[in-house]
PDB file of all heavy atoms in Angstrom:
ATOM      1  N   ARG A   1     -52.154 -74.309  17.176  1.00  0.00           N
ATOM      2  CA  ARG A   1     -52.972 -73.098  17.050  1.00  0.00           C
ATOM      3  C   ARG A   1     -53.840 -72.898  18.287  1.00  0.00           C
ATOM      4  O   ARG A   1     -53.975 -71.790  18.797  1.00  0.00           O
ATOM      5  CB  ARG A   1     -53.828 -73.195  15.780  1.00  0.00           C
ATOM      6  CG  ARG A   1     -54.593 -71.915  15.459  1.00  0.00           C
ATOM      7  CD  ARG A   1     -55.200 -71.976  14.069  1.00  0.00           C
ATOM      8  NE  ARG A   1     -56.189 -73.025  13.940  1.00  0.00           N
ATOM      9  CZ  ARG A   1     -56.044 -74.100  13.178  1.00  0.00           C
ATOM     10  NH1 ARG A   1     -54.920 -74.301  12.510  1.00  0.00           N
ATOM     11  NH2 ARG A   1     -57.002 -75.003  13.088  1.00  0.00           N
ATOM     12  N   GLU A   2     -54.424 -73.990  18.797  1.00  0.00           N
ATOM     13  CA  GLU A   2     -55.297 -73.893  19.971  1.00  0.00           C
ATOM     14  C   GLU A   2     -54.514 -73.517  21.226  1.00  0.00           C
ATOM     15  O   GLU A   2     -55.032 -72.846  22.116  1.00  0.00           O
ATOM     16  CB  GLU A   2     -56.018 -75.220  20.193  1.00  0.00           C
ATOM     17  CG  GLU A   2     -57.089 -75.511  19.150  1.00  0.00           C
ATOM     18  CD  GLU A   2     -57.727 -76.872  19.323  1.00  0.00           C
ATOM     19  OE1 GLU A   2     -57.148 -77.729  20.026  1.00  0.00           O
ATOM     20  OE2 GLU A   2     -58.825 -77.089  18.763  1.00  0.00           O
ATOM     21  N   LEU A   3     -53.253 -73.946  21.281  1.00  0.00           N
ATOM     22  CA  LEU A   3     -52.423 -73.614  22.435  1.00  0.00           C
ATOM     23  C   LEU A   3     -51.872 -72.192  22.356  1.00  0.00           C
ATOM     24  O   LEU A   3     -51.282 -71.694  23.313  1.00  0.00           O
ATOM     25  CB  LEU A   3     -51.262 -74.607  22.570  1.00  0.00           C
ATOM     26  CG  LEU A   3     -51.656 -76.000  23.067  1.00  0.00           C
ATOM     27  CD1 LEU A   3     -50.519 -76.987  22.863  1.00  0.00           C
ATOM     28  CD2 LEU A   3     -52.046 -75.948  24.548  1.00  0.00           C
ATOM     29  N   ASN A   4     -52.046 -71.559  21.201  1.00  0.00           N
ATOM     30  CA  ASN A   4     -51.576 -70.180  21.020  1.00  0.00           C
ATOM     31  C   ASN A   4     -52.688 -69.331  20.424  1.00  0.00           C
ATOM     32  O   ASN A   4     -52.479 -68.545  19.504  1.00  0.00           O
ATOM     33  CB  ASN A   4     -50.360 -70.153  20.094  1.00  0.00           C
ATOM     34  CG  ASN A   4     -49.169 -70.875  20.671  1.00  0.00           C
ATOM     35  OD1 ASN A   4     -48.442 -70.331  21.485  1.00  0.00           O
ATOM     36  ND2 ASN A   4     -48.957 -72.131  20.281  1.00  0.00           N
ATOM     37  N   ASP A   5     -53.902 -69.517  20.936  1.00  0.00           N
ATOM     38  CA  ASP A   5     -55.066 -68.845  20.385  1.00  0.00           C
ATOM     39  C   ASP A   5     -54.978 -67.344  20.584  1.00  0.00           C
ATOM     40  O   ASP A   5     -54.711 -66.876  21.685  1.00  0.00           O
ATOM     41  CB  ASP A   5     -56.340 -69.370  21.073  1.00  0.00           C
ATOM     42  CG  ASP A   5     -57.589 -68.991  20.303  1.00  0.00           C
ATOM     43  OD1 ASP A   5     -57.884 -67.783  20.226  1.00  0.00           O
ATOM     44  OD2 ASP A   5     -58.253 -69.892  19.785  1.00  0.00           O
ATOM     45  N   PRO A   6     -55.220 -66.538  19.534  1.00  0.00           N
ATOM     46  CA  PRO A   6     -55.125 -65.083  19.647  1.00  0.00           C
ATOM     47  C   PRO A   6     -56.169 -64.454  20.548  1.00  0.00           C
ATOM     48  O   PRO A   6     -56.065 -63.304  20.913  1.00  0.00           O
ATOM     49  CB  PRO A   6     -55.299 -64.601  18.199  1.00  0.00           C
ATOM     50  CG  PRO A   6     -56.033 -65.704  17.522  1.00  0.00           C
ATOM     51  CD  PRO A   6     -55.532 -66.973  18.159  1.00  0.00           C
ATOM     52  N   ARG A   7     -57.179 -65.226  20.961  1.00  0.00           N
ATOM     53  CA  ARG A   7     -58.183 -64.652  21.867  1.00  0.00           C
ATOM     54  C   ARG A   7     -57.605 -64.430  23.255  1.00  0.00           C
ATOM     55  O   ARG A   7     -58.086 -63.606  24.013  1.00  0.00           O
ATOM     56  CB  ARG A   7     -59.387 -65.593  21.965  1.00  0.00           C
ATOM     57  CG  ARG A   7     -60.229 -65.645  20.721  1.00  0.00           C
ATOM     58  CD  ARG A   7     -61.284 -66.706  20.821  1.00  0.00           C
ATOM     59  NE  ARG A   7     -60.704 -68.029  20.935  1.00  0.00           N
ATOM     60  CZ  ARG A   7     -61.414 -69.140  21.106  1.00  0.00           C
ATOM     61  NH1 ARG A   7     -62.725 -69.072  21.189  1.00  0.00           N
ATOM     62  NH2 ARG A   7     -60.822 -70.307  21.185  1.00  0.00           N
ATOM     63  N   THR A   8     -56.556 -65.183  23.587  1.00  0.00           N
ATOM     64  CA  THR A   8     -56.017 -65.074  24.942  1.00  0.00           C
ATOM     65  C   THR A   8     -54.540 -64.736  24.953  1.00  0.00           C
ATOM     66  O   THR A   8     -53.979 -64.490  25.999  1.00  0.00           O
ATOM     67  CB  THR A   8     -56.212 -66.397  25.705  1.00  0.00           C
ATOM     68  OG1 THR A   8     -55.567 -67.452  24.975  1.00  0.00           O
ATOM     69  CG2 THR A   8     -57.677 -66.713  25.878  1.00  0.00           C
ATOM     70  N   THR A   9     -53.882 -64.735  23.786  1.00  0.00           N
ATOM     71  CA  THR A   9     -52.466 -64.465  23.716  1.00  0.00           C
ATOM     72  C   THR A   9     -52.240 -63.090  23.123  1.00  0.00           C
ATOM     73  O   THR A   9     -53.019 -62.613  22.318  1.00  0.00           O
ATOM     74  CB  THR A   9     -51.766 -65.527  22.843  1.00  0.00           C
ATOM     75  OG1 THR A   9     -52.116 -66.815  23.348  1.00  0.00           O
ATOM     76  CG2 THR A   9     -50.256 -65.376  22.891  1.00  0.00           C
ATOM     77  N   ALA A  10     -51.137 -62.433  23.500  1.00  0.00           N
ATOM     78  CA  ALA A  10     -50.858 -61.085  23.022  1.00  0.00           C
ATOM     79  C   ALA A  10     -50.358 -61.116  21.577  1.00  0.00           C
ATOM     80  O   ALA A  10     -49.219 -60.811  21.278  1.00  0.00           O
ATOM     81  CB  ALA A  10     -49.817 -60.412  23.928  1.00  0.00           C
ATOM     82  N   TYR A  11     -51.216 -61.496  20.663  1.00  0.00           N
ATOM     83  CA  TYR A  11     -50.906 -61.497  19.236  1.00  0.00           C
ATOM     84  C   TYR A  11     -51.060 -60.078  18.693  1.00  0.00           C
ATOM     85  O   TYR A  11     -51.844 -59.290  19.202  1.00  0.00           O
ATOM     86  CB  TYR A  11     -51.931 -62.358  18.497  1.00  0.00           C
ATOM     87  CG  TYR A  11     -51.583 -63.812  18.350  1.00  0.00           C
ATOM     88  CD1 TYR A  11     -51.089 -64.552  19.399  1.00  0.00           C
ATOM     89  CD2 TYR A  11     -51.788 -64.439  17.118  1.00  0.00           C
ATOM     90  CE1 TYR A  11     -50.811 -65.892  19.235  1.00  0.00           C
ATOM     91  CE2 TYR A  11     -51.518 -65.782  16.952  1.00  0.00           C
ATOM     92  CZ  TYR A  11     -51.025 -66.505  18.009  1.00  0.00           C
ATOM     93  OH  TYR A  11     -50.746 -67.819  17.857  1.00  0.00           O
ATOM     94  N   ASN A  12     -50.327 -59.786  17.635  1.00  0.00           N
ATOM     95  CA  ASN A  12     -50.638 -58.564  16.908  1.00  0.00           C
ATOM     96  C   ASN A  12     -51.521 -58.949  15.728  1.00  0.00           C
ATOM     97  O   ASN A  12     -51.853 -60.111  15.526  1.00  0.00           O
ATOM     98  CB  ASN A  12     -49.349 -57.850  16.449  1.00  0.00           C
ATOM     99  CG  ASN A  12     -48.476 -58.749  15.597  1.00  0.00           C
ATOM    100  OD1 ASN A  12     -48.975 -59.561  14.816  1.00  0.00           O
ATOM    101  ND2 ASN A  12     -47.165 -58.614  15.741  1.00  0.00           N
ATOM    102  N   LYS A  13     -51.931 -57.970  14.927  1.00  0.00           N
ATOM    103  CA  LYS A  13     -52.864 -58.237  13.839  1.00  0.00           C
ATOM    104  C   LYS A  13     -52.276 -59.198  12.816  1.00  0.00           C
ATOM    105  O   LYS A  13     -52.973 -60.032  12.254  1.00  0.00           O
ATOM    106  CB  LYS A  13     -53.262 -56.918  13.164  1.00  0.00           C
ATOM    107  CG  LYS A  13     -54.120 -56.023  14.058  1.00  0.00           C
ATOM    108  CD  LYS A  13     -54.515 -54.762  13.320  1.00  0.00           C
ATOM    109  CE  LYS A  13     -55.384 -53.873  14.200  1.00  0.00           C
ATOM    110  NZ  LYS A  13     -55.771 -52.617  13.503  1.00  0.00           N
ATOM    111  N   ARG A  14     -50.972 -59.084  12.584  1.00  0.00           N
ATOM    112  CA  ARG A  14     -50.337 -59.970  11.610  1.00  0.00           C
ATOM    113  C   ARG A  14     -50.402 -61.409  12.093  1.00  0.00           C
ATOM    114  O   ARG A  14     -50.701 -62.325  11.331  1.00  0.00           O
ATOM    115  CB  ARG A  14     -48.880 -59.553  11.395  1.00  0.00           C
ATOM    116  CG  ARG A  14     -48.111 -60.498  10.486  1.00  0.00           C
ATOM    117  CD  ARG A  14     -46.631 -60.143  10.422  1.00  0.00           C
ATOM    118  NE  ARG A  14     -45.899 -61.108   9.612  1.00  0.00           N
ATOM    119  CZ  ARG A  14     -45.518 -62.295  10.038  1.00  0.00           C
ATOM    120  NH1 ARG A  14     -45.822 -62.673  11.281  1.00  0.00           N
ATOM    121  NH2 ARG A  14     -44.855 -63.121   9.251  1.00  0.00           N
ATOM    122  N   ASP A  15     -50.098 -61.637  13.383  1.00  0.00           N
ATOM    123  CA  ASP A  15     -50.134 -62.984  13.938  1.00  0.00           C
ATOM    124  C   ASP A  15     -51.522 -63.597  13.798  1.00  0.00           C
ATOM    125  O   ASP A  15     -51.685 -64.756  13.416  1.00  0.00           O
ATOM    126  CB  ASP A  15     -49.751 -62.973  15.420  1.00  0.00           C
ATOM    127  CG  ASP A  15     -48.346 -62.452  15.656  1.00  0.00           C
ATOM    128  OD1 ASP A  15     -47.485 -62.666  14.795  1.00  0.00           O
ATOM    129  OD2 ASP A  15     -48.125 -61.829  16.710  1.00  0.00           O
ATOM    130  N   ALA A  16     -52.535 -62.797  14.136  1.00  0.00           N
ATOM    131  CA  ALA A  16     -53.902 -63.303  14.073  1.00  0.00           C
ATOM    132  C   ALA A  16     -54.279 -63.651  12.637  1.00  0.00           C
ATOM    133  O   ALA A  16     -54.936 -64.657  12.382  1.00  0.00           O
ATOM    134  CB  ALA A  16     -54.869 -62.261  14.637  1.00  0.00           C
ATOM    135  N   ALA A  17     -53.837 -62.810  11.685  1.00  0.00           N
ATOM    136  CA  ALA A  17     -54.153 -63.070  10.287  1.00  0.00           C
ATOM    137  C   ALA A  17     -53.499 -64.365   9.810  1.00  0.00           C
ATOM    138  O   ALA A  17     -54.113 -65.161   9.094  1.00  0.00           O
ATOM    139  CB  ALA A  17     -53.684 -61.896   9.418  1.00  0.00           C
ATOM    140  N   VAL A  18     -52.249 -64.584  10.208  1.00  0.00           N
ATOM    141  CA  VAL A  18     -51.558 -65.812   9.821  1.00  0.00           C
ATOM    142  C   VAL A  18     -52.259 -67.017  10.418  1.00  0.00           C
ATOM    143  O   VAL A  18     -52.450 -68.048   9.771  1.00  0.00           O
ATOM    144  CB  VAL A  18     -50.081 -65.770  10.274  1.00  0.00           C
ATOM    145  CG1 VAL A  18     -49.415 -67.124  10.056  1.00  0.00           C
ATOM    146  CG2 VAL A  18     -49.334 -64.689   9.520  1.00  0.00           C
ATOM    147  N   THR A  19     -52.652 -66.907  11.691  1.00  0.00           N
ATOM    148  CA  THR A  19     -53.327 -68.018  12.353  1.00  0.00           C
ATOM    149  C   THR A  19     -54.651 -68.335  11.676  1.00  0.00           C
ATOM    150  O   THR A  19     -54.979 -69.488  11.402  1.00  0.00           O
ATOM    151  CB  THR A  19     -53.574 -67.674  13.834  1.00  0.00           C
ATOM    152  OG1 THR A  19     -52.312 -67.515  14.470  1.00  0.00           O
ATOM    153  CG2 THR A  19     -54.336 -68.794  14.534  1.00  0.00           C
ATOM    154  N   ARG A  20     -55.455 -67.303  11.407  1.00  0.00           N
ATOM    155  CA  ARG A  20     -56.744 -67.530  10.774  1.00  0.00           C
ATOM    156  C   ARG A  20     -56.565 -68.041   9.343  1.00  0.00           C
ATOM    157  O   ARG A  20     -57.356 -68.841   8.861  1.00  0.00           O
ATOM    158  CB  ARG A  20     -57.571 -66.235  10.765  1.00  0.00           C
ATOM    159  CG  ARG A  20     -57.939 -65.719  12.160  1.00  0.00           C
ATOM    160  CD  ARG A  20     -58.514 -66.811  13.030  1.00  0.00           C
ATOM    161  NE  ARG A  20     -58.904 -66.299  14.326  1.00  0.00           N
ATOM    162  CZ  ARG A  20     -59.096 -67.053  15.398  1.00  0.00           C
ATOM    163  NH1 ARG A  20     -58.925 -68.357  15.328  1.00  0.00           N
ATOM    164  NH2 ARG A  20     -59.454 -66.504  16.549  1.00  0.00           N
ATOM    165  N   GLY A  21     -55.518 -67.573   8.673  1.00  0.00           N
ATOM    166  CA  GLY A  21     -55.268 -68.024   7.313  1.00  0.00           C
ATOM    167  C   GLY A  21     -54.981 -69.512   7.243  1.00  0.00           C
ATOM    168  O   GLY A  21     -55.244 -70.167   6.235  1.00  0.00           O
ATOM    169  N   ALA A  22     -54.448 -70.053   8.354  1.00  0.00           N
ATOM    170  CA  ALA A  22     -54.154 -71.489   8.375  1.00  0.00           C
ATOM    171  C   ALA A  22     -55.425 -72.321   8.307  1.00  0.00           C
ATOM    172  O   ALA A  22     -55.390 -73.513   7.987  1.00  0.00           O
ATOM    173  CB  ALA A  22     -53.369 -71.832   9.644  1.00  0.00           C
ATOM    174  N   ASP A  23     -56.571 -71.713   8.612  1.00  0.00           N
ATOM    175  CA  ASP A  23     -57.841 -72.438   8.582  1.00  0.00           C
ATOM    176  C   ASP A  23     -58.422 -72.544   7.166  1.00  0.00           C
ATOM    177  O   ASP A  23     -59.359 -73.288   6.945  1.00  0.00           O
ATOM    178  CB  ASP A  23     -58.877 -71.733   9.479  1.00  0.00           C
ATOM    179  CG  ASP A  23     -58.534 -71.879  10.956  1.00  0.00           C
ATOM    180  OD1 ASP A  23     -57.994 -72.931  11.320  1.00  0.00           O
ATOM    181  OD2 ASP A  23     -58.815 -70.941  11.706  1.00  0.00           O
ATOM    182  N   VAL A  24     -57.887 -71.764   6.227  1.00  0.00           N
ATOM    183  CA  VAL A  24     -58.427 -71.749   4.870  1.00  0.00           C
ATOM    184  C   VAL A  24     -57.973 -73.004   4.130  1.00  0.00           C
ATOM    185  O   VAL A  24     -56.793 -73.326   4.100  1.00  0.00           O
ATOM    186  CB  VAL A  24     -57.966 -70.484   4.110  1.00  0.00           C
ATOM    187  CG1 VAL A  24     -58.520 -70.489   2.688  1.00  0.00           C
ATOM    188  CG2 VAL A  24     -58.414 -69.232   4.857  1.00  0.00           C
ATOM    189  N   SER A  25     -58.901 -73.699   3.513  1.00  0.00           N
ATOM    190  CA  SER A  25     -58.574 -74.939   2.805  1.00  0.00           C
ATOM    191  C   SER A  25     -57.807 -74.634   1.529  1.00  0.00           C
ATOM    192  O   SER A  25     -57.872 -73.529   0.970  1.00  0.00           O
ATOM    193  CB  SER A  25     -59.838 -75.721   2.476  1.00  0.00           C
ATOM    194  OG  SER A  25     -60.584 -75.038   1.476  1.00  0.00           O
ATOM    195  N   ASP A  26     -57.087 -75.653   1.010  1.00  0.00           N
ATOM    196  CA  ASP A  26     -56.336 -75.479  -0.230  1.00  0.00           C
ATOM    197  C   ASP A  26     -57.271 -75.178  -1.396  1.00  0.00           C
ATOM    198  O   ASP A  26     -56.946 -74.374  -2.282  1.00  0.00           O
ATOM    199  CB  ASP A  26     -55.522 -76.741  -0.527  1.00  0.00           C
ATOM    200  CG  ASP A  26     -54.351 -76.924   0.427  1.00  0.00           C
ATOM    201  OD1 ASP A  26     -53.932 -75.914   1.031  1.00  0.00           O
ATOM    202  OD2 ASP A  26     -53.856 -78.055   0.564  1.00  0.00           O
ATOM    203  N   ASP A  27     -58.435 -75.814  -1.418  1.00  0.00           N
ATOM    204  CA  ASP A  27     -59.395 -75.568  -2.497  1.00  0.00           C
ATOM    205  C   ASP A  27     -59.855 -74.117  -2.511  1.00  0.00           C
ATOM    206  O   ASP A  27     -59.969 -73.486  -3.564  1.00  0.00           O
ATOM    207  CB  ASP A  27     -60.615 -76.487  -2.351  1.00  0.00           C
ATOM    208  CG  ASP A  27     -60.295 -77.935  -2.698  1.00  0.00           C
ATOM    209  OD1 ASP A  27     -59.237 -78.164  -3.322  1.00  0.00           O
ATOM    210  OD2 ASP A  27     -61.085 -78.820  -2.320  1.00  0.00           O
ATOM    211  N   THR A  28     -60.111 -73.577  -1.291  1.00  0.00           N
ATOM    212  CA  THR A  28     -60.544 -72.189  -1.195  1.00  0.00           C
ATOM    213  C   THR A  28     -59.427 -71.242  -1.634  1.00  0.00           C
ATOM    214  O   THR A  28     -59.673 -70.256  -2.334  1.00  0.00           O
ATOM    215  CB  THR A  28     -60.973 -71.861   0.246  1.00  0.00           C
ATOM    216  OG1 THR A  28     -62.064 -72.703   0.618  1.00  0.00           O
ATOM    217  CG2 THR A  28     -61.403 -70.399   0.373  1.00  0.00           C
ATOM    218  N   LYS A  29     -58.190 -71.561  -1.256  1.00  0.00           N
ATOM    219  CA  LYS A  29     -57.052 -70.730  -1.656  1.00  0.00           C
ATOM    220  C   LYS A  29     -56.906 -70.710  -3.176  1.00  0.00           C
ATOM    221  O   LYS A  29     -56.647 -69.658  -3.778  1.00  0.00           O
ATOM    222  CB  LYS A  29     -55.767 -71.247  -1.017  1.00  0.00           C
ATOM    223  CG  LYS A  29     -55.691 -71.050   0.494  1.00  0.00           C
ATOM    224  CD  LYS A  29     -54.444 -71.702   1.053  1.00  0.00           C
ATOM    225  CE  LYS A  29     -54.394 -71.583   2.567  1.00  0.00           C
ATOM    226  NZ  LYS A  29     -53.225 -72.297   3.155  1.00  0.00           N
ATOM    227  N   GLN A  30     -57.076 -71.870  -3.818  1.00  0.00           N
ATOM    228  CA  GLN A  30     -56.965 -71.940  -5.277  1.00  0.00           C
ATOM    229  C   GLN A  30     -58.077 -71.144  -5.951  1.00  0.00           C
ATOM    230  O   GLN A  30     -57.850 -70.459  -6.957  1.00  0.00           O
ATOM    231  CB  GLN A  30     -57.008 -73.404  -5.728  1.00  0.00           C
ATOM    232  CG  GLN A  30     -55.765 -74.196  -5.322  1.00  0.00           C
ATOM    233  CD  GLN A  30     -55.854 -75.662  -5.695  1.00  0.00           C
ATOM    234  OE1 GLN A  30     -56.833 -76.095  -6.292  1.00  0.00           O
ATOM    235  NE2 GLN A  30     -54.835 -76.430  -5.351  1.00  0.00           N
ATOM    236  N   LEU A  31     -59.286 -71.225  -5.390  1.00  0.00           N
ATOM    237  CA  LEU A  31     -60.410 -70.477  -5.949  1.00  0.00           C
ATOM    238  C   LEU A  31     -60.160 -68.984  -5.837  1.00  0.00           C
ATOM    239  O   LEU A  31     -60.383 -68.226  -6.796  1.00  0.00           O
ATOM    240  CB  LEU A  31     -61.703 -70.854  -5.219  1.00  0.00           C
ATOM    241  CG  LEU A  31     -62.969 -70.059  -5.628  1.00  0.00           C
ATOM    242  CD1 LEU A  31     -63.269 -70.275  -7.110  1.00  0.00           C
ATOM    243  CD2 LEU A  31     -64.156 -70.481  -4.769  1.00  0.00           C
ATOM    244  N   MET A  32     -59.682 -68.544  -4.664  1.00  0.00           N
ATOM    245  CA  MET A  32     -59.408 -67.117  -4.460  1.00  0.00           C
ATOM    246  C   MET A  32     -58.315 -66.646  -5.408  1.00  0.00           C
ATOM    247  O   MET A  32     -58.392 -65.550  -5.971  1.00  0.00           O
ATOM    248  CB  MET A  32     -59.005 -66.877  -3.001  1.00  0.00           C
ATOM    249  CG  MET A  32     -60.147 -67.093  -2.002  1.00  0.00           C
ATOM    250  SD  MET A  32     -59.580 -67.221  -0.281  1.00  0.00           S
ATOM    251  CE  MET A  32     -58.918 -65.585  -0.029  1.00  0.00           C
ATOM    252  N   ALA A  33     -57.274 -67.490  -5.610  1.00  0.00           N
ATOM    253  CA  ALA A  33     -56.167 -67.112  -6.492  1.00  0.00           C
ATOM    254  C   ALA A  33     -56.663 -66.943  -7.936  1.00  0.00           C
ATOM    255  O   ALA A  33     -56.282 -65.993  -8.635  1.00  0.00           O
ATOM    256  CB  ALA A  33     -55.065 -68.162  -6.426  1.00  0.00           C
ATOM    257  N   SER A  34     -57.540 -67.857  -8.372  1.00  0.00           N
ATOM    258  CA  SER A  34     -58.055 -67.772  -9.741  1.00  0.00           C
ATOM    259  C   SER A  34     -58.931 -66.532  -9.910  1.00  0.00           C
ATOM    260  O   SER A  34     -58.908 -65.879 -10.964  1.00  0.00           O
ATOM    261  CB  SER A  34     -58.846 -69.040 -10.089  1.00  0.00           C
ATOM    262  OG  SER A  34     -60.003 -69.158  -9.282  1.00  0.00           O
ATOM    263  N   GLN A  35     -59.701 -66.195  -8.869  1.00  0.00           N
ATOM    264  CA  GLN A  35     -60.559 -65.007  -8.944  1.00  0.00           C
ATOM    265  C   GLN A  35     -59.716 -63.731  -8.987  1.00  0.00           C
ATOM    266  O   GLN A  35     -60.053 -62.771  -9.710  1.00  0.00           O
ATOM    267  CB  GLN A  35     -61.511 -64.983  -7.755  1.00  0.00           C
ATOM    268  CG  GLN A  35     -62.593 -66.062  -7.807  1.00  0.00           C
ATOM    269  CD  GLN A  35     -63.477 -66.060  -6.579  1.00  0.00           C
ATOM    270  OE1 GLN A  35     -63.034 -65.697  -5.482  1.00  0.00           O
ATOM    271  NE2 GLN A  35     -64.728 -66.472  -6.745  1.00  0.00           N
ATOM    272  N   ILE A  36     -58.638 -63.720  -8.233  1.00  0.00           N
ATOM    273  CA  ILE A  36     -57.754 -62.546  -8.238  1.00  0.00           C
ATOM    274  C   ILE A  36     -57.102 -62.384  -9.607  1.00  0.00           C
ATOM    275  O   ILE A  36     -57.009 -61.279 -10.146  1.00  0.00           O
ATOM    276  CB  ILE A  36     -56.679 -62.688  -7.137  1.00  0.00           C
ATOM    277  CG1 ILE A  36     -57.326 -62.498  -5.760  1.00  0.00           C
ATOM    278  CG2 ILE A  36     -55.554 -61.666  -7.334  1.00  0.00           C
ATOM    279  CD1 ILE A  36     -56.380 -62.741  -4.594  1.00  0.00           C
ATOM    280  N   ASP A  37     -56.651 -63.525 -10.192  1.00  0.00           N
ATOM    281  CA  ASP A  37     -56.030 -63.462 -11.518  1.00  0.00           C
ATOM    282  C   ASP A  37     -57.030 -62.946 -12.555  1.00  0.00           C
ATOM    283  O   ASP A  37     -56.690 -62.120 -13.414  1.00  0.00           O
ATOM    284  CB  ASP A  37     -55.526 -64.852 -11.929  1.00  0.00           C
ATOM    285  CG  ASP A  37     -54.301 -65.284 -11.142  1.00  0.00           C
ATOM    286  OD1 ASP A  37     -53.643 -64.398 -10.565  1.00  0.00           O
ATOM    287  OD2 ASP A  37     -54.003 -66.496 -11.118  1.00  0.00           O
ATOM    288  N   ALA A  38     -58.270 -63.435 -12.470  1.00  0.00           N
ATOM    289  CA  ALA A  38     -59.293 -63.024 -13.438  1.00  0.00           C
ATOM    290  C   ALA A  38     -59.595 -61.542 -13.315  1.00  0.00           C
ATOM    291  O   ALA A  38     -59.736 -60.822 -14.316  1.00  0.00           O
ATOM    292  CB  ALA A  38     -60.564 -63.851 -13.225  1.00  0.00           C
ATOM    293  N   LEU A  39     -59.701 -61.051 -12.078  1.00  0.00           N
ATOM    294  CA  LEU A  39     -59.996 -59.637 -11.859  1.00  0.00           C
ATOM    295  C   LEU A  39     -58.823 -58.772 -12.279  1.00  0.00           C
ATOM    296  O   LEU A  39     -59.001 -57.670 -12.807  1.00  0.00           O
ATOM    297  CB  LEU A  39     -60.352 -59.399 -10.384  1.00  0.00           C
ATOM    298  CG  LEU A  39     -60.800 -57.979 -10.011  1.00  0.00           C
ATOM    299  CD1 LEU A  39     -62.003 -57.556 -10.860  1.00  0.00           C
ATOM    300  CD2 LEU A  39     -61.158 -57.899  -8.526  1.00  0.00           C
ATOM    301  N   SER A  40     -57.608 -59.286 -12.075  1.00  0.00           N
ATOM    302  CA  SER A  40     -56.420 -58.542 -12.487  1.00  0.00           C
ATOM    303  C   SER A  40     -56.385 -58.378 -14.000  1.00  0.00           C
ATOM    304  O   SER A  40     -56.066 -57.307 -14.526  1.00  0.00           O
ATOM    305  CB  SER A  40     -55.162 -59.278 -12.007  1.00  0.00           C
ATOM    306  OG  SER A  40     -53.997 -58.589 -12.425  1.00  0.00           O
ATOM    307  N   ASP A  41     -56.728 -59.470 -14.724  1.00  0.00           N
ATOM    308  CA  ASP A  41     -56.773 -59.387 -16.189  1.00  0.00           C
ATOM    309  C   ASP A  41     -57.852 -58.400 -16.638  1.00  0.00           C
ATOM    310  O   ASP A  41     -57.690 -57.668 -17.618  1.00  0.00           O
ATOM    311  CB  ASP A  41     -57.061 -60.770 -16.786  1.00  0.00           C
ATOM    312  CG  ASP A  41     -55.895 -61.739 -16.592  1.00  0.00           C
ATOM    313  OD1 ASP A  41     -54.771 -61.260 -16.362  1.00  0.00           O
ATOM    314  OD2 ASP A  41     -56.136 -62.960 -16.649  1.00  0.00           O
TER     315      ASP A  41
END
């Protein structure tokens, strides 16, 4: 990720989102998923 940082590489918005998403911990992802399910219900 550091060797392909979007601050200096010609990334598009999707690339940057994928890169930043890699920084999200598994615990945070599970919490977000549960909140989305609850709001959907």
